[in-house]
Amino acid sequence: MTATERITVRPRTVPAGRARVEEAARLLAGLAGRLRHGRALHPRGLVVAATLQVRGGSRRPLGLPVLDEPGEHEVIARLSKGGSLPGSLPDVLGLAVRLPGPVDLLLSTCGPLPWMLLPRTGFTAGPYSSLARYDSGTGSVRLIAWPEGMRVPADPRLLPQALAREPLLFHLRAAPKGGPVTAVATLRVHTALPDEDVAFDPVLNSHPALRQKPWLARLRRGAYLGSRQVRGAKVERGPAS
C-alpha cells in the first residue's frame, strides 16, 4: 500500500440527528426547570434512607451482581410526584433508587400494562415500572416494584410522618420478555432525609448488564443534564458508570 492509498481514520463522532435529539431534550428540560424553579423532572419529592434485601439465586440473573447475589445494602431513594399538581392530587409518582456502584434505577407508577404511565392517588396505591425494557445479560427485561404498607396520599410532605410510624416496602421483580416474573429484592424505605438533594441520573449511573434502549438513553441524557444545569446540581458517578 502506497502513501496515497493509506486509509485515514477519523475520530468517532455522534451523528447530527442524534445530537439534535439530545440537545432538544436538554433545552426543554432546562426551560421546564426554570419555570418550576428547580427540578424539571419530578420536582416535588423526598429523599429517604432504605435497606435493599436482595433475594439472589434467580434462574435468570440480570448480570448485575448487586441484584443477583443475596445480601443486604443500605441505599438512598427518592419518592416523588412527576408533575406540579398541588397537595395530594393524583399524579404519576416516581421511585428512584441508587444502588451501590452507583447504579440509578428510576421507576414510575404504571397500570396493568407496565409500559403505560398511570397517575396514582398514593405512594402505595399501585405498581411502579421502568416502563421501557432493559437489555440484560439474559435478554430483554422490565423492572417492576410492587408497594406494600400503609396508604400515604400522593403528597411528599406526608411521607416523613408516615415513615415515622412504619416503613414502606417495595418488592422489586424482573419481568423478562416471554418469561415468568421473578422476585429480585425488597426495598424497605424507613427514614426521611429532608435535607438531601440527590441528582439521580439513569444514564450516567448505569451498568452494562442493564442497557437502556439507545433512543431512550439519548433523551434521558439530555433531559437530566438540562435539569441539573438549571439548579446547579452535580450527579455522583462511580466505576459502574
Protein backbone atom coordinates (compact mmCIF):
# COMPACT_ATOMS: atom_id res chain seq x y z
CA MET A 1 0.00 0.00 0.00
CA THR A 2 1.43 3.37 -1.03
CA ALA A 3 1.26 6.55 0.99
CA THR A 4 -1.56 7.85 -1.19
CA GLU A 5 -3.55 4.64 -0.63
CA ARG A 6 -3.43 4.74 3.16
CA ILE A 7 -6.77 4.83 4.91
CA THR A 8 -7.47 7.87 7.03
CA VAL A 9 -9.08 7.01 10.38
CA ARG A 10 -11.25 9.85 11.66
CA PRO A 11 -12.40 10.28 15.28
CA ARG A 12 -15.82 8.82 16.01
CA THR A 13 -18.49 11.50 16.16
CA VAL A 14 -22.12 11.42 17.23
CA PRO A 15 -24.46 11.61 14.20
CA ALA A 16 -26.00 15.06 13.85
CA GLY A 17 -29.56 13.78 14.18
CA ARG A 18 -28.85 12.05 17.48
CA ALA A 19 -27.03 15.10 18.82
CA ARG A 20 -30.00 17.30 17.93
CA VAL A 21 -32.39 15.00 19.81
CA GLU A 22 -30.22 15.13 22.91
CA GLU A 23 -29.80 18.90 22.69
CA ALA A 24 -33.54 19.44 22.23
CA ALA A 25 -34.22 17.34 25.35
CA ARG A 26 -31.65 19.39 27.29
CA LEU A 27 -33.20 22.70 26.24
CA LEU A 28 -36.76 21.60 27.01
CA ALA A 29 -35.76 20.28 30.42
CA GLY A 30 -33.88 23.50 31.16
CA LEU A 31 -36.97 25.54 30.28
CA ALA A 32 -39.17 23.34 32.48
CA GLY A 33 -36.70 23.65 35.33
CA ARG A 34 -36.67 27.43 35.12
CA LEU A 35 -40.47 27.55 35.09
CA ARG A 36 -40.59 25.24 38.11
CA HIS A 37 -37.67 26.96 39.87
CA GLY A 38 -35.98 23.61 40.45
CA ARG A 39 -36.08 20.12 39.03
CA ALA A 40 -37.55 19.76 35.56
CA LEU A 41 -38.47 16.14 36.23
CA HIS A 42 -40.40 15.04 39.31
CA PRO A 43 -39.94 18.40 41.06
CA ARG A 44 -41.63 17.54 44.37
CA GLY A 45 -40.18 14.66 46.30
CA LEU A 46 -38.40 13.35 49.37
CA VAL A 47 -35.05 11.59 49.61
CA VAL A 48 -35.17 8.65 52.00
CA ALA A 49 -32.85 6.07 53.54
CA ALA A 50 -33.70 2.48 52.67
CA THR A 51 -32.48 -1.09 53.06
CA LEU A 52 -32.27 -3.30 49.98
CA GLN A 53 -32.64 -7.01 50.75
CA VAL A 54 -31.57 -8.98 47.67
CA ARG A 55 -33.09 -12.41 47.26
CA GLY A 56 -30.46 -13.93 44.93
CA GLY A 57 -30.44 -17.35 43.33
CA SER A 58 -32.59 -16.42 40.33
CA ARG A 59 -32.65 -18.83 37.41
CA ARG A 60 -32.39 -15.82 35.12
CA PRO A 61 -29.84 -13.45 36.70
CA LEU A 62 -29.70 -9.92 35.39
CA GLY A 63 -25.92 -9.82 35.21
CA LEU A 64 -25.76 -7.04 37.79
CA PRO A 65 -24.08 -8.50 40.91
CA VAL A 66 -25.81 -6.18 43.37
CA LEU A 67 -29.20 -7.55 42.23
CA ASP A 68 -28.12 -11.13 41.56
CA GLU A 69 -26.20 -12.05 44.70
CA PRO A 70 -28.02 -12.41 48.04
CA GLY A 71 -27.23 -9.70 50.54
CA GLU A 72 -28.33 -6.51 52.25
CA HIS A 73 -27.37 -2.97 51.26
CA GLU A 74 -28.07 0.43 52.77
CA VAL A 75 -29.14 2.73 49.92
CA ILE A 76 -30.86 6.02 49.28
CA ALA A 77 -34.05 6.50 47.29
CA ARG A 78 -36.45 9.27 46.33
CA LEU A 79 -40.25 9.23 46.22
CA SER A 80 -41.72 11.99 44.10
CA LYS A 81 -44.52 13.49 42.05
CA GLY A 82 -44.00 13.66 38.29
CA GLY A 83 -45.85 16.93 37.73
CA SER A 84 -46.62 20.11 39.62
CA LEU A 85 -50.09 19.22 40.85
CA PRO A 86 -50.56 20.57 44.37
CA GLY A 87 -51.24 18.63 47.55
CA SER A 88 -52.27 15.01 47.23
CA LEU A 89 -53.97 15.28 43.83
CA PRO A 90 -53.35 12.15 41.72
CA ASP A 91 -50.13 12.25 39.72
CA VAL A 92 -47.59 9.99 38.08
CA LEU A 93 -45.40 9.08 41.05
CA GLY A 94 -41.73 8.17 40.95
CA LEU A 95 -39.41 5.83 42.80
CA ALA A 96 -35.68 6.42 42.23
CA VAL A 97 -33.13 4.11 43.87
CA ARG A 98 -29.35 4.47 43.97
CA LEU A 99 -27.74 1.05 44.14
CA PRO A 100 -24.08 0.56 45.10
CA GLY A 101 -21.85 1.29 42.13
CA PRO A 102 -23.55 3.70 41.83
CA VAL A 103 -26.37 2.48 39.59
CA ASP A 104 -29.57 4.56 39.46
CA LEU A 105 -32.92 2.87 38.84
CA LEU A 106 -35.90 5.08 38.00
CA LEU A 107 -39.43 3.69 38.14
CA SER A 108 -42.81 5.39 37.63
CA THR A 109 -46.36 4.38 38.54
CA CYS A 110 -47.97 2.28 35.85
CA GLY A 111 -51.20 0.44 35.19
CA PRO A 112 -51.99 -3.17 34.22
CA LEU A 113 -49.79 -2.57 31.18
CA PRO A 114 -46.35 -1.88 32.68
CA TRP A 115 -45.24 0.30 29.77
CA MET A 116 -48.05 2.80 30.34
CA LEU A 117 -47.79 5.67 32.84
CA LEU A 118 -50.72 5.92 35.24
CA PRO A 119 -51.43 8.63 37.84
CA ARG A 120 -51.96 7.32 41.36
CA THR A 121 -53.65 8.71 44.46
CA GLY A 122 -50.98 7.42 46.86
CA PHE A 123 -47.43 6.12 47.06
CA THR A 124 -48.60 2.58 47.79
CA ALA A 125 -51.65 2.60 45.51
CA GLY A 126 -50.13 0.57 42.67
CA PRO A 127 -47.01 -0.74 40.93
CA TYR A 128 -44.02 1.19 39.62
CA SER A 129 -42.27 0.21 36.40
CA SER A 130 -39.13 1.03 34.43
CA LEU A 131 -41.62 1.47 31.54
CA ALA A 132 -39.08 0.63 28.83
CA ARG A 133 -37.28 -2.70 28.82
CA TYR A 134 -33.60 -3.14 29.56
CA ASP A 135 -31.29 -5.36 27.53
CA SER A 136 -29.83 -7.52 30.28
CA GLY A 137 -27.35 -10.37 30.37
CA THR A 138 -30.22 -12.83 29.95
CA GLY A 139 -32.36 -10.95 27.45
CA SER A 140 -34.97 -8.20 27.42
CA VAL A 141 -36.37 -7.40 30.86
CA ARG A 142 -38.53 -4.80 32.58
CA LEU A 143 -38.22 -3.96 36.29
CA ILE A 144 -41.39 -3.58 38.36
CA ALA A 145 -41.79 -2.62 42.04
CA TRP A 146 -44.93 -3.58 43.96
CA PRO A 147 -45.55 -1.46 47.09
CA GLU A 148 -46.75 -2.69 50.44
CA GLY A 149 -47.67 -0.77 53.56
CA MET A 150 -49.94 1.95 54.86
CA ARG A 151 -51.70 4.28 52.48
CA VAL A 152 -49.78 7.53 52.01
CA PRO A 153 -51.54 10.11 49.80
CA ALA A 154 -49.65 11.45 46.79
CA ASP A 155 -48.06 14.33 48.71
CA PRO A 156 -44.33 14.04 49.57
CA ARG A 157 -44.86 16.30 52.60
CA LEU A 158 -46.82 13.48 54.28
CA LEU A 159 -44.03 10.92 53.92
CA PRO A 160 -41.87 11.86 56.96
CA GLN A 161 -44.77 11.44 59.39
CA ALA A 162 -45.82 8.19 57.72
CA LEU A 163 -42.29 6.72 57.82
CA ALA A 164 -42.01 7.64 61.50
CA ARG A 165 -44.86 5.18 62.10
CA GLU A 166 -43.74 2.30 59.90
CA PRO A 167 -41.60 1.63 56.81
CA LEU A 168 -42.87 1.22 53.27
CA LEU A 169 -41.91 -1.88 51.31
CA PHE A 170 -41.35 -2.15 47.57
CA HIS A 171 -40.94 -5.65 46.14
CA LEU A 172 -38.69 -5.44 43.07
CA ARG A 173 -39.37 -8.01 40.36
CA ALA A 174 -37.93 -8.71 36.92
CA ALA A 175 -40.34 -9.33 34.05
CA PRO A 176 -38.42 -10.88 31.14
CA LYS A 177 -39.92 -10.84 27.69
CA GLY A 178 -41.78 -14.10 27.19
CA GLY A 179 -40.86 -15.47 30.62
CA PRO A 180 -42.23 -15.62 34.16
CA VAL A 181 -41.89 -12.70 36.57
CA THR A 182 -39.22 -13.39 39.19
CA ALA A 183 -38.58 -11.81 42.60
CA VAL A 184 -35.34 -9.84 42.81
CA ALA A 185 -35.25 -7.83 46.04
CA THR A 186 -37.27 -5.94 48.64
CA LEU A 187 -36.65 -2.25 49.30
CA ARG A 188 -37.52 -1.19 52.85
CA VAL A 189 -37.92 2.60 52.95
CA HIS A 190 -37.59 3.62 56.58
CA THR A 191 -36.19 7.14 57.21
CA ALA A 192 -36.84 10.56 55.70
CA LEU A 193 -33.79 12.62 54.74
CA PRO A 194 -35.44 16.03 54.20
CA ASP A 195 -32.21 17.98 53.76
CA GLU A 196 -30.81 15.80 50.99
CA ASP A 197 -30.80 16.92 47.34
CA VAL A 198 -29.60 13.98 45.26
CA ALA A 199 -29.28 14.17 41.48
CA PHE A 200 -30.28 10.77 40.13
CA ASP A 201 -29.27 10.00 36.54
CA PRO A 202 -30.06 6.59 34.97
CA VAL A 203 -27.67 7.21 32.05
CA LEU A 204 -24.54 8.42 33.84
CA ASN A 205 -25.09 5.96 36.67
CA SER A 206 -25.79 2.80 34.70
CA HIS A 207 -24.31 -0.66 34.25
CA PRO A 208 -23.50 -2.63 31.06
CA ALA A 209 -25.68 -5.50 32.30
CA LEU A 210 -28.78 -3.27 32.20
CA ARG A 211 -28.57 -1.42 28.90
CA GLN A 212 -31.22 1.13 28.01
CA LYS A 213 -32.54 1.48 24.50
CA PRO A 214 -30.28 3.97 22.62
CA TRP A 215 -33.14 6.35 21.78
CA LEU A 216 -34.25 6.46 25.43
CA ALA A 217 -30.71 6.95 26.68
CA ARG A 218 -30.26 9.96 24.37
CA LEU A 219 -33.48 11.58 25.55
CA ARG A 220 -32.69 10.95 29.21
CA ARG A 221 -29.08 12.12 28.87
CA GLY A 222 -30.19 15.49 27.53
CA ALA A 223 -33.17 15.89 29.87
CA TYR A 224 -31.29 15.12 33.08
CA LEU A 225 -28.38 17.32 32.03
CA GLY A 226 -30.71 20.25 31.36
CA SER A 227 -32.46 19.78 34.69
CA ARG A 228 -29.15 19.68 36.61
CA GLN A 229 -27.76 22.73 34.83
CA VAL A 230 -30.71 24.89 35.88
CA ARG A 231 -30.29 24.19 39.57
CA GLY A 232 -26.51 23.72 39.59
CA ALA A 233 -26.68 20.12 40.79
CA LYS A 234 -23.97 17.51 40.34
CA VAL A 235 -24.51 13.79 39.96
CA GLU A 236 -22.44 11.22 41.82
CA ARG A 237 -20.58 8.92 39.46
CA GLY A 238 -18.72 5.70 40.07
CA PRO A 239 -16.83 2.98 38.23
CA ALA A 240 -20.06 1.33 37.06
CA SER A 241 -20.96 4.41 35.02
